[in-house]
């Protein structure tokens, strides 16, 4: 994995579905539980403070550079230890903390998250 100096963007090169896979990511906004407010990940303010504050959720732009099954889910949940909201599989044993109000919105028409 390659990280930008601010820790808010980078490149993940990890296998997904048993084959090499590559994704880039960039944190757009961090939502902090302690402050009840959000921080801009795009260069506004001190990035180190934003990352180390008890962040419960972040808005992240992920761009898969290869087309592997579950690639984004694996890269976020396993390689970066930042599982997607609503993802019950790629969590590294972390408890799912999906907000109750968001749960119905995260289910595809086929019933799978």
Foldseek 3Di string as FASTA:
>chain_A
DAADPLRFWDKDFDDAPNHTWIKIKGWQKFQAPVVRGIDGRPPPDRSVVRVPGRTDDTDMDMGTPDDHVCVVQQCCQPVVQHGDQPDPPRRVPDDRPHPPVCNVVPADPVGHD
